[in-house]
Amino acid sequence: MLIATQNPISFGGRKPLSPALTNRFQTIKLDDYSLDDLGIILHKKGHSNFFAKSILNSYQARPHLTPRDLFREAGQYSGERQKGGGISK
């Protein structure tokens, strides 16, 4: 048994699999996280609800970002905040 994952080809640097390779797999597509799901994840990572809503608004305005980018940005902001800095652009 082989289990593999692939991000959507709409993400930068991804190429579709060839038909010969695609025919050897069973494809299961998963829905994207909802904004509520992402907010819950941010809250469980220790961010306030206010912060989660704020960064999710920013995330929604930039559709090219992935959830990984969102969590990285949230973590960077938290690190800067603990050091006494602010959000860097």
N, C-alpha and C. Protein backbone atom coordinates (compact mmCIF):
# COMPACT_ATOMS: atom_id res chain seq x y z
N MET A 1 0.84 -1.17 0.00
CA MET A 1 0.00 0.00 0.00
C MET A 1 0.89 1.23 0.00
N LEU A 2 0.52 2.20 -0.78
CA LEU A 2 1.24 3.46 -0.87
C LEU A 2 0.24 4.58 -0.63
N ILE A 3 0.60 5.49 0.24
CA ILE A 3 -0.23 6.67 0.49
C ILE A 3 0.61 7.89 0.14
N ALA A 4 0.06 8.77 -0.67
CA ALA A 4 0.79 9.96 -1.10
C ALA A 4 -0.14 11.17 -1.04
N THR A 5 0.46 12.33 -0.93
CA THR A 5 -0.32 13.57 -0.95
C THR A 5 0.28 14.50 -1.99
N GLN A 6 -0.55 15.38 -2.50
CA GLN A 6 -0.08 16.40 -3.42
C GLN A 6 -0.92 17.64 -3.20
N ASN A 7 -0.27 18.77 -3.05
CA ASN A 7 -0.99 20.03 -2.96
C ASN A 7 -1.54 20.37 -4.33
N PRO A 8 -2.58 21.22 -4.37
CA PRO A 8 -3.16 21.59 -5.67
C PRO A 8 -2.10 22.20 -6.59
N ILE A 9 -2.25 21.96 -7.87
CA ILE A 9 -1.28 22.50 -8.82
C ILE A 9 -1.38 24.02 -8.92
N SER A 10 -2.44 24.60 -8.34
CA SER A 10 -2.55 26.06 -8.32
C SER A 10 -1.51 26.67 -7.39
N PHE A 11 -0.95 25.89 -6.45
CA PHE A 11 0.13 26.37 -5.60
C PHE A 11 1.37 26.52 -6.47
N GLY A 12 2.17 27.49 -6.20
CA GLY A 12 3.37 27.75 -6.99
C GLY A 12 4.31 26.56 -7.05
N GLY A 13 4.85 26.31 -8.23
CA GLY A 13 5.86 25.27 -8.40
C GLY A 13 5.33 23.86 -8.50
N ARG A 14 4.01 23.67 -8.56
CA ARG A 14 3.43 22.33 -8.66
C ARG A 14 3.11 22.01 -10.12
N LYS A 15 3.31 20.78 -10.51
CA LYS A 15 2.97 20.33 -11.86
C LYS A 15 2.00 19.16 -11.75
N PRO A 16 1.07 19.05 -12.69
CA PRO A 16 0.14 17.92 -12.63
C PRO A 16 0.86 16.60 -12.91
N LEU A 17 0.34 15.53 -12.32
CA LEU A 17 0.88 14.21 -12.60
C LEU A 17 0.50 13.80 -14.01
N SER A 18 1.32 12.96 -14.62
CA SER A 18 1.00 12.48 -15.96
C SER A 18 -0.21 11.55 -15.88
N PRO A 19 -0.97 11.42 -16.97
CA PRO A 19 -2.12 10.50 -16.97
C PRO A 19 -1.70 9.06 -16.63
N ALA A 20 -0.54 8.62 -17.10
CA ALA A 20 -0.09 7.26 -16.81
C ALA A 20 0.10 7.06 -15.31
N LEU A 21 0.62 8.06 -14.63
CA LEU A 21 0.82 7.95 -13.19
C LEU A 21 -0.50 8.14 -12.43
N THR A 22 -1.31 9.09 -12.89
CA THR A 22 -2.60 9.35 -12.25
C THR A 22 -3.50 8.12 -12.26
N ASN A 23 -3.46 7.34 -13.32
CA ASN A 23 -4.30 6.15 -13.43
C ASN A 23 -3.93 5.06 -12.42
N ARG A 24 -2.79 5.17 -11.81
CA ARG A 24 -2.34 4.17 -10.84
C ARG A 24 -2.77 4.48 -9.41
N PHE A 25 -3.42 5.64 -9.23
CA PHE A 25 -3.81 6.06 -7.90
C PHE A 25 -5.31 6.25 -7.80
N GLN A 26 -5.81 6.13 -6.61
CA GLN A 26 -7.19 6.53 -6.32
C GLN A 26 -7.10 7.94 -5.75
N THR A 27 -7.86 8.85 -6.30
CA THR A 27 -7.80 10.24 -5.88
C THR A 27 -8.91 10.55 -4.89
N ILE A 28 -8.53 11.14 -3.79
CA ILE A 28 -9.49 11.61 -2.79
C ILE A 28 -9.21 13.08 -2.57
N LYS A 29 -10.17 13.93 -2.87
CA LYS A 29 -9.98 15.37 -2.71
C LYS A 29 -10.59 15.81 -1.38
N LEU A 30 -9.84 16.62 -0.67
CA LEU A 30 -10.28 17.15 0.62
C LEU A 30 -10.60 18.63 0.47
N ASP A 31 -11.62 19.06 1.20
CA ASP A 31 -11.98 20.47 1.18
C ASP A 31 -10.93 21.29 1.91
N ASP A 32 -10.84 22.56 1.53
CA ASP A 32 -9.96 23.48 2.25
C ASP A 32 -10.51 23.73 3.65
N TYR A 33 -9.63 24.18 4.53
CA TYR A 33 -10.10 24.57 5.86
C TYR A 33 -11.02 25.78 5.72
N SER A 34 -12.08 25.80 6.50
CA SER A 34 -12.94 26.99 6.53
C SER A 34 -12.26 28.04 7.40
N LEU A 35 -12.71 29.28 7.30
CA LEU A 35 -12.14 30.33 8.15
C LEU A 35 -12.39 30.03 9.62
N ASP A 36 -13.54 29.42 9.93
CA ASP A 36 -13.82 29.04 11.32
C ASP A 36 -12.81 28.00 11.80
N ASP A 37 -12.50 27.02 10.94
CA ASP A 37 -11.50 26.00 11.30
C ASP A 37 -10.14 26.64 11.56
N LEU A 38 -9.74 27.55 10.67
CA LEU A 38 -8.45 28.22 10.83
C LEU A 38 -8.42 29.05 12.11
N GLY A 39 -9.54 29.71 12.43
CA GLY A 39 -9.63 30.47 13.68
C GLY A 39 -9.49 29.58 14.90
N ILE A 40 -10.10 28.41 14.87
CA ILE A 40 -10.00 27.46 15.98
C ILE A 40 -8.55 26.99 16.14
N ILE A 41 -7.89 26.70 15.02
CA ILE A 41 -6.50 26.27 15.08
C ILE A 41 -5.62 27.36 15.68
N LEU A 42 -5.82 28.61 15.23
CA LEU A 42 -5.03 29.72 15.78
C LEU A 42 -5.28 29.87 17.28
N HIS A 43 -6.54 29.75 17.68
CA HIS A 43 -6.88 29.87 19.11
C HIS A 43 -6.21 28.75 19.91
N LYS A 44 -6.22 27.53 19.39
CA LYS A 44 -5.59 26.41 20.09
C LYS A 44 -4.07 26.55 20.13
N LYS A 45 -3.51 27.34 19.21
CA LYS A 45 -2.08 27.61 19.23
C LYS A 45 -1.74 28.74 20.21
N GLY A 46 -2.76 29.26 20.89
CA GLY A 46 -2.52 30.25 21.94
C GLY A 46 -2.79 31.69 21.56
N HIS A 47 -3.38 31.93 20.39
CA HIS A 47 -3.68 33.30 19.97
C HIS A 47 -5.08 33.68 20.45
N SER A 48 -5.25 34.97 20.74
CA SER A 48 -6.56 35.45 21.18
C SER A 48 -7.55 35.42 20.01
N ASN A 49 -8.83 35.44 20.35
CA ASN A 49 -9.85 35.47 19.31
C ASN A 49 -9.73 36.74 18.47
N PHE A 50 -9.41 37.86 19.13
CA PHE A 50 -9.25 39.13 18.42
C PHE A 50 -8.11 39.03 17.40
N PHE A 51 -6.98 38.47 17.83
CA PHE A 51 -5.84 38.31 16.93
C PHE A 51 -6.20 37.38 15.77
N ALA A 52 -6.86 36.27 16.08
CA ALA A 52 -7.25 35.30 15.05
C ALA A 52 -8.13 35.97 13.99
N LYS A 53 -9.12 36.74 14.44
CA LYS A 53 -10.00 37.42 13.48
C LYS A 53 -9.22 38.43 12.64
N SER A 54 -8.31 39.15 13.28
CA SER A 54 -7.52 40.16 12.60
C SER A 54 -6.64 39.54 11.52
N ILE A 55 -5.92 38.50 11.87
CA ILE A 55 -5.01 37.89 10.89
C ILE A 55 -5.78 37.12 9.82
N LEU A 56 -6.96 36.58 10.16
CA LEU A 56 -7.78 35.91 9.15
C LEU A 56 -8.33 36.90 8.14
N ASN A 57 -8.64 38.12 8.58
CA ASN A 57 -9.08 39.15 7.62
C ASN A 57 -7.96 39.47 6.64
N SER A 58 -6.74 39.55 7.16
CA SER A 58 -5.58 39.80 6.30
C SER A 58 -5.37 38.62 5.35
N TYR A 59 -5.52 37.42 5.86
CA TYR A 59 -5.36 36.19 5.06
C TYR A 59 -6.39 36.13 3.93
N GLN A 60 -7.62 36.50 4.25
CA GLN A 60 -8.70 36.47 3.26
C GLN A 60 -8.44 37.46 2.12
N ALA A 61 -7.79 38.55 2.43
CA ALA A 61 -7.52 39.58 1.43
C ALA A 61 -6.37 39.19 0.50
N ARG A 62 -5.64 38.13 0.86
CA ARG A 62 -4.50 37.69 0.04
C ARG A 62 -4.69 36.22 -0.32
N PRO A 63 -5.49 35.96 -1.38
CA PRO A 63 -5.86 34.57 -1.71
C PRO A 63 -4.70 33.67 -2.14
N HIS A 64 -3.55 34.24 -2.43
CA HIS A 64 -2.41 33.42 -2.84
C HIS A 64 -1.73 32.73 -1.65
N LEU A 65 -2.07 33.13 -0.43
CA LEU A 65 -1.45 32.54 0.75
C LEU A 65 -2.04 31.17 1.06
N THR A 66 -1.24 30.32 1.64
CA THR A 66 -1.68 28.99 2.08
C THR A 66 -1.87 29.01 3.59
N PRO A 67 -2.55 28.01 4.15
CA PRO A 67 -2.64 27.94 5.62
C PRO A 67 -1.26 27.92 6.28
N ARG A 68 -0.28 27.28 5.64
CA ARG A 68 1.08 27.28 6.20
C ARG A 68 1.60 28.71 6.33
N ASP A 69 1.34 29.54 5.30
CA ASP A 69 1.77 30.95 5.36
C ASP A 69 1.07 31.67 6.50
N LEU A 70 -0.22 31.39 6.68
CA LEU A 70 -0.99 32.01 7.76
C LEU A 70 -0.39 31.67 9.12
N PHE A 71 -0.11 30.39 9.35
CA PHE A 71 0.42 29.98 10.65
C PHE A 71 1.82 30.51 10.86
N ARG A 72 2.62 30.57 9.80
CA ARG A 72 3.97 31.12 9.91
C ARG A 72 3.91 32.60 10.28
N GLU A 73 3.03 33.34 9.61
CA GLU A 73 2.88 34.77 9.89
C GLU A 73 2.40 35.00 11.32
N ALA A 74 1.45 34.18 11.74
CA ALA A 74 0.94 34.30 13.11
C ALA A 74 2.06 34.03 14.12
N GLY A 75 2.87 33.02 13.85
CA GLY A 75 3.97 32.69 14.74
C GLY A 75 5.02 33.78 14.77
N GLN A 76 5.32 34.37 13.61
CA GLN A 76 6.29 35.46 13.55
C GLN A 76 5.79 36.67 14.32
N TYR A 77 4.50 36.96 14.17
CA TYR A 77 3.93 38.10 14.89
C TYR A 77 4.03 37.86 16.39
N SER A 78 3.72 36.65 16.83
CA SER A 78 3.79 36.34 18.26
C SER A 78 5.22 36.48 18.77
N GLY A 79 6.18 36.01 17.98
CA GLY A 79 7.58 36.12 18.38
C GLY A 79 8.03 37.56 18.48
N GLU A 80 7.63 38.39 17.51
CA GLU A 80 7.97 39.81 17.54
C GLU A 80 7.30 40.50 18.72
N ARG A 81 6.08 40.11 18.99
CA ARG A 81 5.33 40.74 20.08
C ARG A 81 5.99 40.43 21.42
N GLN A 82 6.47 39.19 21.57
CA GLN A 82 7.14 38.81 22.82
C GLN A 82 8.45 39.57 22.98
N LYS A 83 9.10 39.92 21.85
CA LYS A 83 10.36 40.66 21.89
C LYS A 83 10.12 42.16 22.01
N GLY A 84 8.84 42.58 21.90
CA GLY A 84 8.51 44.01 22.01
C GLY A 84 8.38 44.71 20.68
N GLY A 85 8.45 43.98 19.57
CA GLY A 85 8.31 44.57 18.25
C GLY A 85 6.89 44.51 17.75
N GLY A 86 6.71 44.85 16.50
CA GLY A 86 5.39 44.81 15.88
C GLY A 86 5.42 43.95 14.64
N ILE A 87 4.37 44.05 13.86
CA ILE A 87 4.30 43.29 12.62
C ILE A 87 5.21 43.94 11.61
N SER A 88 6.06 43.15 10.98
CA SER A 88 6.94 43.68 9.95
C SER A 88 6.32 43.38 8.58
N LYS A 89 6.46 44.32 7.66
CA LYS A 89 5.88 44.14 6.32
C LYS A 89 6.96 44.07 5.30
